[in-house]
C-alpha atoms as a PDB file:
ATOM      1  CA  MET A   1      -6.910  -9.989  23.563  1.00  0.00           C
ATOM      2  CA  LYS A   2      -4.385  -9.620  26.354  1.00  0.00           C
ATOM      3  CA  LEU A   3      -2.732  -6.558  27.786  1.00  0.00           C
ATOM      4  CA  ILE A   4       0.804  -6.769  26.525  1.00  0.00           C
ATOM      5  CA  THR A   5       3.661  -5.187  28.457  1.00  0.00           C
ATOM      6  CA  LEU A   6       6.840  -5.160  26.401  1.00  0.00           C
ATOM      7  CA  LEU A   7       9.551  -5.355  29.026  1.00  0.00           C
ATOM      8  CA  SER A   8      12.152  -4.866  26.361  1.00  0.00           C
ATOM      9  CA  PHE A   9      10.827  -1.327  25.973  1.00  0.00           C
ATOM     10  CA  SER A  10      11.088  -0.532  29.677  1.00  0.00           C
ATOM     11  CA  ILE A  11      13.545   2.280  30.157  1.00  0.00           C
ATOM     12  CA  LEU A  12      15.878   2.448  33.135  1.00  0.00           C
ATOM     13  CA  LEU A  13      17.254   5.929  33.629  1.00  0.00           C
ATOM     14  CA  VAL A  14      19.707   7.211  36.223  1.00  0.00           C
ATOM     15  CA  SER A  15      19.117  10.680  37.667  1.00  0.00           C
ATOM     16  CA  CYS A  16      22.096  12.991  37.187  1.00  0.00           C
ATOM     17  CA  ASN A  17      21.376  14.694  40.475  1.00  0.00           C
ATOM     18  CA  ASN A  18      20.971  11.832  42.912  1.00  0.00           C
ATOM     19  CA  GLN A  19      22.019   8.753  40.922  1.00  0.00           C
ATOM     20  CA  GLU A  20      18.722   7.036  41.859  1.00  0.00           C
ATOM     21  CA  LYS A  21      17.284   4.586  39.379  1.00  0.00           C
ATOM     22  CA  GLN A  22      13.909   5.563  38.023  1.00  0.00           C
ATOM     23  CA  VAL A  23      11.816   3.024  36.138  1.00  0.00           C
ATOM     24  CA  TYR A  24       9.754   4.258  33.231  1.00  0.00           C
ATOM     25  CA  LYS A  25       7.372   1.427  32.406  1.00  0.00           C
ATOM     26  CA  THR A  26       6.216   1.531  28.803  1.00  0.00           C
ATOM     27  CA  VAL A  27       2.906  -0.238  28.380  1.00  0.00           C
ATOM     28  CA  TYR A  28       1.788  -1.314  24.936  1.00  0.00           C
ATOM     29  CA  GLN A  29      -1.824  -2.398  24.951  1.00  0.00           C
ATOM     30  CA  GLU A  30      -2.951  -4.403  22.004  1.00  0.00           C
ATOM     31  CA  SER A  31      -6.308  -3.251  23.297  1.00  0.00           C
ATOM     32  CA  SER A  32      -8.550  -3.368  26.307  1.00  0.00           C
ATOM     33  CA  TYR A  33     -11.259  -5.152  24.312  1.00  0.00           C
ATOM     34  CA  GLY A  34     -10.790  -8.521  25.982  1.00  0.00           C
ATOM     35  CA  LYS A  35     -10.794  -6.928  29.396  1.00  0.00           C
ATOM     36  CA  LYS A  36     -14.018  -5.095  28.661  1.00  0.00           C
ATOM     37  CA  SER A  37     -15.652  -7.781  26.482  1.00  0.00           C
ATOM     38  CA  GLU A  38     -16.061  -5.305  23.652  1.00  0.00           C
ATOM     39  CA  HIS A  39     -15.982  -5.915  19.923  1.00  0.00           C
ATOM     40  CA  PRO A  40     -12.668  -4.445  18.669  1.00  0.00           C
ATOM     41  CA  GLY A  41     -14.535  -2.433  16.046  1.00  0.00           C
ATOM     42  CA  LYS A  42     -16.077  -0.209  18.723  1.00  0.00           C
ATOM     43  CA  LYS A  43     -12.773   1.313  19.840  1.00  0.00           C
ATOM     44  CA  LEU A  44     -11.538   1.524  16.245  1.00  0.00           C
ATOM     45  CA  LEU A  45     -14.743   3.332  15.238  1.00  0.00           C
ATOM     46  CA  GLU A  46     -14.264   5.869  18.010  1.00  0.00           C
ATOM     47  CA  THR A  47     -10.562   6.306  17.222  1.00  0.00           C
ATOM     48  CA  TYR A  48     -10.675   6.567  13.436  1.00  0.00           C
ATOM     49  CA  CYS A  49     -14.154   7.911  12.660  1.00  0.00           C
ATOM     50  CA  TYR A  50     -15.508  10.065  15.466  1.00  0.00           C
ATOM     51  CA  ILE A  51     -13.456  13.187  14.776  1.00  0.00           C
ATOM     52  CA  CYS A  52     -15.837  13.785  11.838  1.00  0.00           C
ATOM     53  CA  HIS A  53     -18.760  11.404  12.469  1.00  0.00           C
ATOM     54  CA  ASN A  54     -19.199  11.942  16.219  1.00  0.00           C
ATOM     55  CA  PRO A  55     -22.769  11.208  17.401  1.00  0.00           C
ATOM     56  CA  THR A  56     -22.648  13.942  20.067  1.00  0.00           C
ATOM     57  CA  THR A  57     -22.151  16.811  17.602  1.00  0.00           C
ATOM     58  CA  PRO A  58     -25.374  18.855  17.088  1.00  0.00           C
ATOM     59  CA  GLU A  59     -27.177  18.497  13.775  1.00  0.00           C
ATOM     60  CA  ASN A  60     -26.532  22.110  12.777  1.00  0.00           C
ATOM     61  CA  GLY A  61     -23.695  23.077  15.104  1.00  0.00           C
ATOM     62  CA  GLY A  62     -20.185  22.307  13.896  1.00  0.00           C
ATOM     63  CA  ARG A  63     -21.000  19.041  12.144  1.00  0.00           C
ATOM     64  CA  ILE A  64     -18.604  18.293   9.288  1.00  0.00           C
ATOM     65  CA  ALA A  65     -19.872  14.820   8.296  1.00  0.00           C
ATOM     66  CA  PRO A  66     -22.970  12.667   8.838  1.00  0.00           C
ATOM     67  CA  PRO A  67     -23.147  10.513  11.990  1.00  0.00           C
ATOM     68  CA  MET A  68     -22.193   6.864  11.519  1.00  0.00           C
ATOM     69  CA  ILE A  69     -25.776   5.742  12.154  1.00  0.00           C
ATOM     70  CA  ALA A  70     -26.790   7.629   8.974  1.00  0.00           C
ATOM     71  CA  ILE A  71     -24.183   5.668   7.058  1.00  0.00           C
ATOM     72  CA  LYS A  72     -25.466   2.422   8.556  1.00  0.00           C
ATOM     73  CA  THR A  73     -29.065   3.171   7.524  1.00  0.00           C
ATOM     74  CA  HIS A  74     -28.044   3.892   3.918  1.00  0.00           C
ATOM     75  CA  TYR A  75     -25.891   0.786   3.535  1.00  0.00           C
ATOM     76  CA  LYS A  76     -27.716  -1.844   5.598  1.00  0.00           C
ATOM     77  CA  ASN A  77     -31.058  -3.167   4.366  1.00  0.00           C
ATOM     78  CA  ASP A  78     -32.918  -6.472   4.235  1.00  0.00           C
ATOM     79  CA  ASP A  79     -31.372  -7.401   0.897  1.00  0.00           C
ATOM     80  CA  ILE A  80     -27.709  -6.970   1.793  1.00  0.00           C
ATOM     81  CA  THR A  81     -25.577  -9.690   3.344  1.00  0.00           C
ATOM     82  CA  LYS A  82     -23.025  -9.000   6.032  1.00  0.00           C
ATOM     83  CA  GLU A  83     -20.207  -9.719   3.581  1.00  0.00           C
ATOM     84  CA  GLU A  84     -21.656  -7.286   1.012  1.00  0.00           C
ATOM     85  CA  PHE A  85     -22.127  -4.610   3.686  1.00  0.00           C
ATOM     86  CA  ILE A  86     -18.520  -4.902   4.843  1.00  0.00           C
ATOM     87  CA  ASN A  87     -17.201  -4.883   1.279  1.00  0.00           C
ATOM     88  CA  GLN A  88     -19.161  -1.741   0.387  1.00  0.00           C
ATOM     89  CA  ILE A  89     -18.053   0.148   3.494  1.00  0.00           C
ATOM     90  CA  VAL A  90     -14.420  -0.869   2.954  1.00  0.00           C
ATOM     91  CA  SER A  91     -14.563   0.009  -0.758  1.00  0.00           C
ATOM     92  CA  TYR A  92     -15.879   3.526  -0.156  1.00  0.00           C
ATOM     93  CA  ALA A  93     -13.710   4.380   2.864  1.00  0.00           C
ATOM     94  CA  SER A  94     -10.566   3.089   1.133  1.00  0.00           C
ATOM     95  CA  ASN A  95     -11.103   5.315  -1.906  1.00  0.00           C
ATOM     96  CA  PRO A  96     -14.009   7.763  -1.463  1.00  0.00           C
ATOM     97  CA  THR A  97     -15.511   9.138  -4.693  1.00  0.00           C
ATOM     98  CA  GLN A  98     -18.743  10.910  -5.529  1.00  0.00           C
ATOM     99  CA  GLU A  99     -19.681   8.067  -7.879  1.00  0.00           C
ATOM    100  CA  LYS A 100     -19.545   5.478  -5.079  1.00  0.00           C
ATOM    101  CA  ALA A 101     -21.359   7.636  -2.501  1.00  0.00           C
ATOM    102  CA  LYS A 102     -24.796   6.628  -1.218  1.00  0.00           C
ATOM    103  CA  LEU A 103     -25.445   9.607   1.061  1.00  0.00           C
ATOM    104  CA  PHE A 104     -26.103  12.175  -1.663  1.00  0.00           C
ATOM    105  CA  GLY A 105     -27.372  14.852   0.728  1.00  0.00           C
ATOM    106  CA  ALA A 106     -24.280  14.481   2.907  1.00  0.00           C
ATOM    107  CA  VAL A 107     -21.984  14.823  -0.107  1.00  0.00           C
ATOM    108  CA  ARG A 108     -23.787  18.006  -1.162  1.00  0.00           C
ATOM    109  CA  ARG A 109     -23.499  19.424   2.342  1.00  0.00           C
ATOM    110  CA  PHE A 110     -20.042  18.249   3.423  1.00  0.00           C
ATOM    111  CA  GLY A 111     -18.262  17.161   0.245  1.00  0.00           C
ATOM    112  CA  VAL A 112     -16.647  13.794  -0.446  1.00  0.00           C
ATOM    113  CA  MET A 113     -14.802  12.219   2.476  1.00  0.00           C
ATOM    114  CA  PRO A 114     -11.044  12.991   2.403  1.00  0.00           C
ATOM    115  CA  LYS A 115      -9.023   9.984   1.306  1.00  0.00           C
ATOM    116  CA  GLN A 116      -6.883   8.375   3.988  1.00  0.00           C
ATOM    117  CA  GLN A 117      -5.160   5.070   4.537  1.00  0.00           C
ATOM    118  CA  PHE A 118      -6.066   2.631   7.291  1.00  0.00           C
ATOM    119  CA  PRO A 119      -3.966  -0.167   8.798  1.00  0.00           C
ATOM    120  CA  GLU A 120      -4.798  -3.623   7.518  1.00  0.00           C
ATOM    121  CA  GLY A 121      -8.042  -5.019   8.920  1.00  0.00           C
ATOM    122  CA  VAL A 122      -9.231  -1.807  10.618  1.00  0.00           C
ATOM    123  CA  LEU A 123     -12.034  -0.994   8.171  1.00  0.00           C
ATOM    124  CA  GLU A 124     -13.270  -4.578   8.173  1.00  0.00           C
ATOM    125  CA  LYS A 125     -13.527  -4.616  11.988  1.00  0.00           C
ATOM    126  CA  ILE A 126     -15.314  -1.255  12.026  1.00  0.00           C
ATOM    127  CA  ALA A 127     -17.804  -2.362   9.350  1.00  0.00           C
ATOM    128  CA  GLU A 128     -18.451  -5.674  11.109  1.00  0.00           C
ATOM    129  CA  TYR A 129     -19.161  -3.878  14.383  1.00  0.00           C
ATOM    130  CA  ILE A 130     -21.563  -1.434  12.691  1.00  0.00           C
ATOM    131  CA  TYR A 131     -23.403  -4.312  10.996  1.00  0.00           C
ATOM    132  CA  ASP A 132     -23.704  -6.545  14.073  1.00  0.00           C
ATOM    133  CA  TYR A 133     -24.305  -4.031  16.880  1.00  0.00           C
ATOM    134  CA  GLU A 134     -26.448  -1.062  17.754  1.00  0.00           C
ATOM    135  CA  ILE A 135     -24.236   1.993  17.473  1.00  0.00           C
ATOM    136  CA  GLU A 136     -24.619   5.395  19.103  1.00  0.00           C
ATOM    137  CA  GLU A 137     -27.341   7.659  17.713  1.00  0.00           C
ATOM    138  CA  PRO A 138     -27.477  11.444  18.049  1.00  0.00           C
ATOM    139  CA  GLU A 139     -30.434  12.652  20.108  1.00  0.00           C
ATOM    140  CA  TRP A 140     -31.851  14.393  17.049  1.00  0.00           C
ATOM    141  CA  PHE A 141     -31.522  11.465  14.639  1.00  0.00           C
ATOM    142  CA  LYS A 142     -34.959   9.813  15.050  1.00  0.00           C
ATOM    143  CA  ASP A 143     -36.703  13.149  14.423  1.00  0.00           C
ATOM    144  CA  HIS A 144     -34.432  13.726  11.433  1.00  0.00           C
ATOM    145  CA  MET A 145     -35.420  10.350   9.976  1.00  0.00           C
ATOM    146  CA  LYS A 146     -39.113  11.028  10.542  1.00  0.00           C
ATOM    147  CA  GLU A 147     -38.869  14.447   8.868  1.00  0.00           C
ATOM    148  CA  ASN A 148     -37.269  12.784   5.846  1.00  0.00           C
ATOM    149  CA  GLY A 149     -40.049  10.234   5.414  1.00  0.00           C
ATOM    150  CA  PHE A 150     -38.529   7.201   7.126  1.00  0.00           C
ATOM    151  CA  GLY A 151     -41.353   6.921   9.679  1.00  0.00           C
ATOM    152  CA  LYS A 152     -40.589   5.182  12.957  1.00  0.00           C
ATOM    153  CA  PHE A 153     -36.884   4.429  12.918  1.00  0.00           C
ATOM    154  CA  SER A 154     -35.199   1.564  14.737  1.00  0.00           C
ATOM    155  CA  GLN A 155     -31.731   0.267  13.952  1.00  0.00           C
ATOM    156  CA  ASN A 156     -31.030  -3.459  13.979  1.00  0.00           C
ATOM    157  CA  GLY A 157     -28.203  -5.027  15.926  1.00  0.00           C
ATOM    158  CA  LYS A 158     -27.070  -6.542  19.187  1.00  0.00           C
ATOM    159  CA  LYS A 159     -26.672  -4.291  22.198  1.00  0.00           C
ATOM    160  CA  MET A 160     -23.111  -3.839  23.420  1.00  0.00           C
ATOM    161  CA  THR A 161     -22.768  -5.019  27.003  1.00  0.00           C
ATOM    162  CA  GLN A 162     -21.625  -2.193  29.244  1.00  0.00           C
ATOM    163  CA  SER A 163     -18.760  -2.947  31.604  1.00  0.00           C
ATOM    164  CA  ASN A 164     -18.210  -1.584  35.099  1.00  0.00           C
ATOM    165  CA  MET A 165     -14.453  -1.992  34.744  1.00  0.00           C
ATOM    166  CA  PRO A 166     -12.516   1.255  35.411  1.00  0.00           C
ATOM    167  CA  LYS A 167     -10.896   2.972  32.446  1.00  0.00           C
ATOM    168  CA  THR A 168      -7.379   1.883  31.627  1.00  0.00           C
ATOM    169  CA  LEU A 169      -4.569   4.453  31.380  1.00  0.00           C
ATOM    170  CA  GLU A 170      -4.743   3.914  27.607  1.00  0.00           C
ATOM    171  CA  ASP A 171      -8.458   4.754  27.643  1.00  0.00           C
ATOM    172  CA  ILE A 172      -7.896   7.954  29.623  1.00  0.00           C
ATOM    173  CA  GLY A 173      -5.050   9.176  27.419  1.00  0.00           C
ATOM    174  CA  LEU A 174      -6.945   8.378  24.225  1.00  0.00           C
ATOM    175  CA  GLU A 175      -9.988  10.196  25.546  1.00  0.00           C
ATOM    176  CA  TYR A 176      -7.903  13.326  26.123  1.00  0.00           C
ATOM    177  CA  ALA A 177      -6.191  13.076  22.726  1.00  0.00           C
ATOM    178  CA  LEU A 178      -9.302  12.297  20.690  1.00  0.00           C
ATOM    179  CA  SER A 179     -11.520  14.866  22.392  1.00  0.00           C
ATOM    180  CA  THR A 180      -8.891  17.543  21.689  1.00  0.00           C
ATOM    181  CA  LYS A 181      -8.491  16.267  18.135  1.00  0.00           C
ATOM    182  CA  LYS A 182     -12.265  16.528  17.699  1.00  0.00           C
ATOM    183  CA  VAL A 183     -12.363  20.160  18.869  1.00  0.00           C
ATOM    184  CA  LEU A 184      -9.425  21.180  16.665  1.00  0.00           C
ATOM    185  CA  GLY A 185     -10.541  19.100  13.677  1.00  0.00           C
ATOM    186  CA  GLN A 186     -14.125  20.292  13.630  1.00  0.00           C
ATOM    187  CA  ASN A 187     -13.094  23.932  13.917  1.00  0.00           C
ATOM    188  CA  LEU A 188     -10.407  23.571  11.266  1.00  0.00           C
ATOM    189  CA  MET A 189     -12.441  21.565   8.751  1.00  0.00           C
ATOM    190  CA  GLY A 190     -15.495  23.732   9.347  1.00  0.00           C
ATOM    191  CA  THR A 191     -13.382  26.797   8.532  1.00  0.00           C
ATOM    192  CA  ILE A 192     -12.061  25.149   5.358  1.00  0.00           C
ATOM    193  CA  GLN A 193     -15.593  24.247   4.226  1.00  0.00           C
ATOM    194  CA  LYS A 194     -17.056  27.689   4.938  1.00  0.00           C
ATOM    195  CA  LYS A 195     -14.171  30.089   4.264  1.00  0.00           C
ATOM    196  CA  GLY A 196     -11.411  28.182   2.475  1.00  0.00           C
ATOM    197  CA  THR A 197      -7.832  27.163   3.169  1.00  0.00           C
ATOM    198  CA  LEU A 198      -6.435  30.677   3.703  1.00  0.00           C
ATOM    199  CA  ALA A 199      -8.914  31.300   6.515  1.00  0.00           C
ATOM    200  CA  ALA A 200      -7.966  27.930   7.998  1.00  0.00           C
ATOM    201  CA  LEU A 201      -4.330  29.075   8.154  1.00  0.00           C
ATOM    202  CA  GLU A 202      -5.390  32.110  10.179  1.00  0.00           C
ATOM    203  CA  PHE A 203      -7.376  29.811  12.462  1.00  0.00           C
ATOM    204  CA  CYS A 204      -4.383  27.539  13.080  1.00  0.00           C
ATOM    205  CA  ASN A 205      -2.077  30.492  13.679  1.00  0.00           C
ATOM    206  CA  ILE A 206      -4.338  32.146  16.235  1.00  0.00           C
ATOM    207  CA  LYS A 207      -6.575  29.453  17.732  1.00  0.00           C
ATOM    208  CA  ALA A 208      -4.890  26.026  17.625  1.00  0.00           C
ATOM    209  CA  ILE A 209      -2.671  26.343  20.714  1.00  0.00           C
ATOM    210  CA  PRO A 210      -5.273  28.252  22.809  1.00  0.00           C
ATOM    211  CA  LEU A 211      -7.891  25.593  21.996  1.00  0.00           C
ATOM    212  CA  THR A 212      -5.438  22.844  22.981  1.00  0.00           C
ATOM    213  CA  ASP A 213      -4.667  24.708  26.207  1.00  0.00           C
ATOM    214  CA  SER A 214      -8.394  25.008  26.953  1.00  0.00           C
ATOM    215  CA  MET A 215      -8.734  21.221  26.641  1.00  0.00           C
ATOM    216  CA  SER A 216      -5.769  20.847  29.001  1.00  0.00           C
ATOM    217  CA  THR A 217      -7.599  22.964  31.557  1.00  0.00           C
ATOM    218  CA  LYS A 218     -10.852  21.070  31.053  1.00  0.00           C
ATOM    219  CA  ASN A 219      -9.202  17.664  31.505  1.00  0.00           C
ATOM    220  CA  GLN A 220      -6.658  18.736  34.134  1.00  0.00           C
ATOM    221  CA  ALA A 221      -3.887  17.372  31.949  1.00  0.00           C
ATOM    222  CA  ALA A 222      -0.967  18.843  30.016  1.00  0.00           C
ATOM    223  CA  ILE A 223      -1.921  18.253  26.371  1.00  0.00           C
ATOM    224  CA  LYS A 224       0.519  19.039  23.564  1.00  0.00           C
ATOM    225  CA  ARG A 225       0.880  18.319  19.858  1.00  0.00           C
ATOM    226  CA  VAL A 226       4.574  18.032  19.014  1.00  0.00           C
ATOM    227  CA  THR A 227       6.565  17.250  15.889  1.00  0.00           C
ATOM    228  CA  ASN A 228      10.072  16.880  14.497  1.00  0.00           C
ATOM    229  CA  LYS A 229       9.106  19.336  11.716  1.00  0.00           C
ATOM    230  CA  PRO A 230       7.363  22.237  13.460  1.00  0.00           C
ATOM    231  CA  ARG A 231       5.450  25.039  11.805  1.00  0.00           C
ATOM    232  CA  ASN A 232       5.025  26.863  15.087  1.00  0.00           C
ATOM    233  CA  PRO A 233       8.222  26.639  17.217  1.00  0.00           C
ATOM    234  CA  ASN A 234       6.030  25.965  20.266  1.00  0.00           C
ATOM    235  CA  ASN A 235       5.180  22.561  18.776  1.00  0.00           C
ATOM    236  CA  LYS A 236       8.799  21.365  18.556  1.00  0.00           C
ATOM    237  CA  ALA A 237       9.333  17.895  20.037  1.00  0.00           C
ATOM    238  CA  ASN A 238      11.960  17.343  22.735  1.00  0.00           C
ATOM    239  CA  ALA A 239      14.520  14.508  22.655  1.00  0.00           C
ATOM    240  CA  GLU A 240      12.210  12.053  24.456  1.00  0.00           C
ATOM    241  CA  GLU A 241       9.272  12.819  22.181  1.00  0.00           C
ATOM    242  CA  LEU A 242      11.428  12.433  19.069  1.00  0.00           C
ATOM    243  CA  LYS A 243      12.074   8.793  20.028  1.00  0.00           C
ATOM    244  CA  TYR A 244       8.360   8.039  20.053  1.00  0.00           C
ATOM    245  CA  ILE A 245       7.813   9.838  16.755  1.00  0.00           C
ATOM    246  CA  GLU A 246      10.335   7.439  15.212  1.00  0.00           C
ATOM    247  CA  ILE A 247       8.582   4.426  16.768  1.00  0.00           C
ATOM    248  CA  TYR A 248       5.275   5.508  15.252  1.00  0.00           C
ATOM    249  CA  LYS A 249       6.856   6.183  11.865  1.00  0.00           C
ATOM    250  CA  GLN A 250       8.007   2.579  11.776  1.00  0.00           C
ATOM    251  CA  GLN A 251       4.563   1.309  12.775  1.00  0.00           C
ATOM    252  CA  ILE A 252       2.820   3.327  10.056  1.00  0.00           C
ATOM    253  CA  VAL A 253       5.343   2.310   7.380  1.00  0.00           C
ATOM    254  CA  THR A 254       4.770  -1.359   8.219  1.00  0.00           C
ATOM    255  CA  ASN A 255       0.973  -0.872   8.219  1.00  0.00           C
ATOM    256  CA  GLN A 256       0.528  -1.675  11.906  1.00  0.00           C
ATOM    257  CA  VAL A 257      -2.349  -0.343  13.970  1.00  0.00           C
ATOM    258  CA  PRO A 258      -0.589   2.270  16.142  1.00  0.00           C
ATOM    259  CA  GLU A 259      -1.072   1.678  19.851  1.00  0.00           C
ATOM    260  CA  PRO A 260      -0.807   4.305  22.580  1.00  0.00           C
ATOM    261  CA  ILE A 261       2.421   4.362  24.554  1.00  0.00           C
ATOM    262  CA  VAL A 262       1.846   4.817  28.286  1.00  0.00           C
ATOM    263  CA  ILE A 263       4.753   5.501  30.625  1.00  0.00           C
ATOM    264  CA  GLU A 264       4.323   5.481  34.387  1.00  0.00           C
ATOM    265  CA  LYS A 265       6.643   7.392  36.702  1.00  0.00           C
ATOM    266  CA  ASN A 266       5.564   7.607  40.321  1.00  0.00           C
ATOM    267  CA  ASN A 267       2.063   9.105  40.194  1.00  0.00           C
ATOM    268  CA  LYS A 268       2.480  10.764  36.798  1.00  0.00           C
ATOM    269  CA  ILE A 269       1.456   9.292  33.453  1.00  0.00           C
ATOM    270  CA  LYS A 270       2.995  10.199  30.106  1.00  0.00           C
ATOM    271  CA  PHE A 271       0.895   9.273  27.085  1.00  0.00           C
ATOM    272  CA  TYR A 272       1.889   9.311  23.400  1.00  0.00           C
ATOM    273  CA  TYR A 273      -0.175   8.704  20.258  1.00  0.00           C
ATOM    274  CA  PRO A 274       0.515   9.540  16.582  1.00  0.00           C
ATOM    275  CA  ILE A 275      -0.908  12.329  14.425  1.00  0.00           C
ATOM    276  CA  THR A 276      -1.053  11.199  10.792  1.00  0.00           C
ATOM    277  CA  THR A 277      -1.826  12.967   7.519  1.00  0.00           C
ATOM    278  CA  ASN A 278      -4.733  12.521   5.124  1.00  0.00           C
ATOM    279  CA  THR A 279      -5.517  14.239   1.823  1.00  0.00           C
ATOM    280  CA  MET A 280      -7.083  17.246   3.591  1.00  0.00           C
ATOM    281  CA  CYS A 281      -3.807  17.887   5.464  1.00  0.00           C
ATOM    282  CA  LEU A 282      -1.808  18.071   2.239  1.00  0.00           C
ATOM    283  CA  GLN A 283      -3.399  21.403   1.280  1.00  0.00           C
ATOM    284  CA  CYS A 284      -1.044  23.003   3.824  1.00  0.00           C
ATOM    285  CA  HIS A 285       1.420  20.249   4.742  1.00  0.00           C
ATOM    286  CA  GLY A 286       1.961  18.459   1.428  1.00  0.00           C
ATOM    287  CA  LYS A 287       4.642  18.599  -1.215  1.00  0.00           C
ATOM    288  CA  GLU A 288       5.149  21.666  -3.413  1.00  0.00           C
ATOM    289  CA  ALA A 289       2.650  20.482  -6.036  1.00  0.00           C
ATOM    290  CA  ASP A 290      -0.052  19.995  -3.364  1.00  0.00           C
ATOM    291  CA  ILE A 291       0.085  23.529  -1.933  1.00  0.00           C
ATOM    292  CA  LYS A 292      -1.483  26.371  -3.926  1.00  0.00           C
ATOM    293  CA  PRO A 293       0.740  29.427  -4.534  1.00  0.00           C
ATOM    294  CA  GLU A 294      -1.484  31.757  -2.467  1.00  0.00           C
ATOM    295  CA  VAL A 295      -1.405  29.260   0.426  1.00  0.00           C
ATOM    296  CA  LYS A 296       2.385  29.014   0.184  1.00  0.00           C
ATOM    297  CA  THR A 297       2.673  32.813   0.278  1.00  0.00           C
ATOM    298  CA  LYS A 298       0.449  32.995   3.356  1.00  0.00           C
ATOM    299  CA  LEU A 299       2.412  30.248   5.082  1.00  0.00           C
ATOM    300  CA  LEU A 300       5.711  32.071   4.577  1.00  0.00           C
ATOM    301  CA  LYS A 301       4.170  35.247   5.971  1.00  0.00           C
ATOM    302  CA  LEU A 302       2.762  33.548   9.085  1.00  0.00           C
ATOM    303  CA  TYR A 303       5.628  31.083   9.616  1.00  0.00           C
ATOM    304  CA  PRO A 304       8.958  32.292   8.172  1.00  0.00           C
ATOM    305  CA  ASN A 305      10.787  29.255   9.601  1.00  0.00           C
ATOM    306  CA  ASP A 306       8.141  26.702   8.590  1.00  0.00           C
ATOM    307  CA  LEU A 307       9.281  23.066   8.411  1.00  0.00           C
ATOM    308  CA  ALA A 308       5.868  21.339   8.387  1.00  0.00           C
ATOM    309  CA  TYR A 309       5.576  20.522   4.686  1.00  0.00           C
ATOM    310  CA  GLY A 310       6.681  17.849   2.232  1.00  0.00           C
ATOM    311  CA  TYR A 311       4.345  15.184   3.620  1.00  0.00           C
ATOM    312  CA  SER A 312       2.447  12.542   1.695  1.00  0.00           C
ATOM    313  CA  GLU A 313      -0.776  10.853   2.717  1.00  0.00           C
ATOM    314  CA  ASN A 314      -0.636   8.610   5.812  1.00  0.00           C
ATOM    315  CA  GLU A 315       2.634   9.834   7.285  1.00  0.00           C
ATOM    316  CA  VAL A 316       3.365  10.673  10.912  1.00  0.00           C
ATOM    317  CA  ARG A 317       3.269  14.456  11.215  1.00  0.00           C
ATOM    318  CA  GLY A 318       3.761  14.403  14.969  1.00  0.00           C
ATOM    319  CA  ILE A 319       2.374  12.945  18.182  1.00  0.00           C
ATOM    320  CA  TRP A 320       0.099  13.748  21.065  1.00  0.00           C
ATOM    321  CA  SER A 321       2.228  14.216  24.168  1.00  0.00           C
ATOM    322  CA  ILE A 322       0.016  14.224  27.259  1.00  0.00           C
ATOM    323  CA  GLU A 323       0.811  14.164  30.966  1.00  0.00           C
ATOM    324  CA  PHE A 324      -1.757  13.566  33.691  1.00  0.00           C
ATOM    325  CA  ASN A 325      -1.970  12.343  37.255  1.00  0.00           C
ATOM    326  CA  LYS A 326      -2.396   8.626  37.772  1.00  0.00           C
ATOM    327  CA  PRO A 327      -5.994   7.908  38.873  1.00  0.00           C
ATOM    328  CA  LYS A 328      -6.336   6.316  42.295  1.00  0.00           C
ATOM    329  CA  ASN A 329      -8.108   3.250  40.924  1.00  0.00           C
ATOM    330  CA  ASN A 330      -5.274   2.332  38.506  1.00  0.00           C
END
């Protein structure tokens, strides 16, 4: 695939102070797969699955779902065709139920995967990549397999060729957004699993912004989550950010794969990417029937001016708004 720059989305603004024209170049990347010779499923796997199924999360330290290699080992065997493998993965991920689950231990430990919607073709590409290629394994996974009677474990698949190409601006922004999403998501979902939704509200109220700020410090970038319907006033989107929220709403409604928006101005990069809802989110952000009375009472106590409710599954709840310095090699 090619890098696509939509010139029609380039924004020419005039400074009120000095009347100089400043060019904000909006770069839409269909992907960097062609540039890096990667299967498209690899980036989609990292984007859509690794918040819960990340291979770097310790076995007993903050894990909220099994690693993807565990899913591969339970679905792929000598008797299954590639088409059957893809169909089974797509069927479960599209509508997860306990009856369709194959990882019984994982369901007992973590519960059934929250239902969410995926843009057309995303699950098929992810499943095809998992089937055809070796995917990342946690360091502890081989020992885990041996302890559970699988003997010497070796996954089948082609090795993904590593590229020496520098990261694109899209890659850098996504890395910041997804790593922050992972930290917030694992803490939040872990709290829900262990202590329930009311404890998760306390976590969000006290820890969400400080954790985001800590990731900003770590990455030397200004990382924000902003929305047109804030719960915390500090997450309110500005006029520029509201425009990108509307763009992403249209993409999600039309079932497009949302692409990062990257805007260059001098040596600064602005990066935007959507935050969407799944069934887990609706416990606190859904419609009236989705939110339990005790949760509603707690929300009103913590956030008297709360606007972040009334959502359905797979809606844009906000965006990542990230600013960082342009790397010298870009």
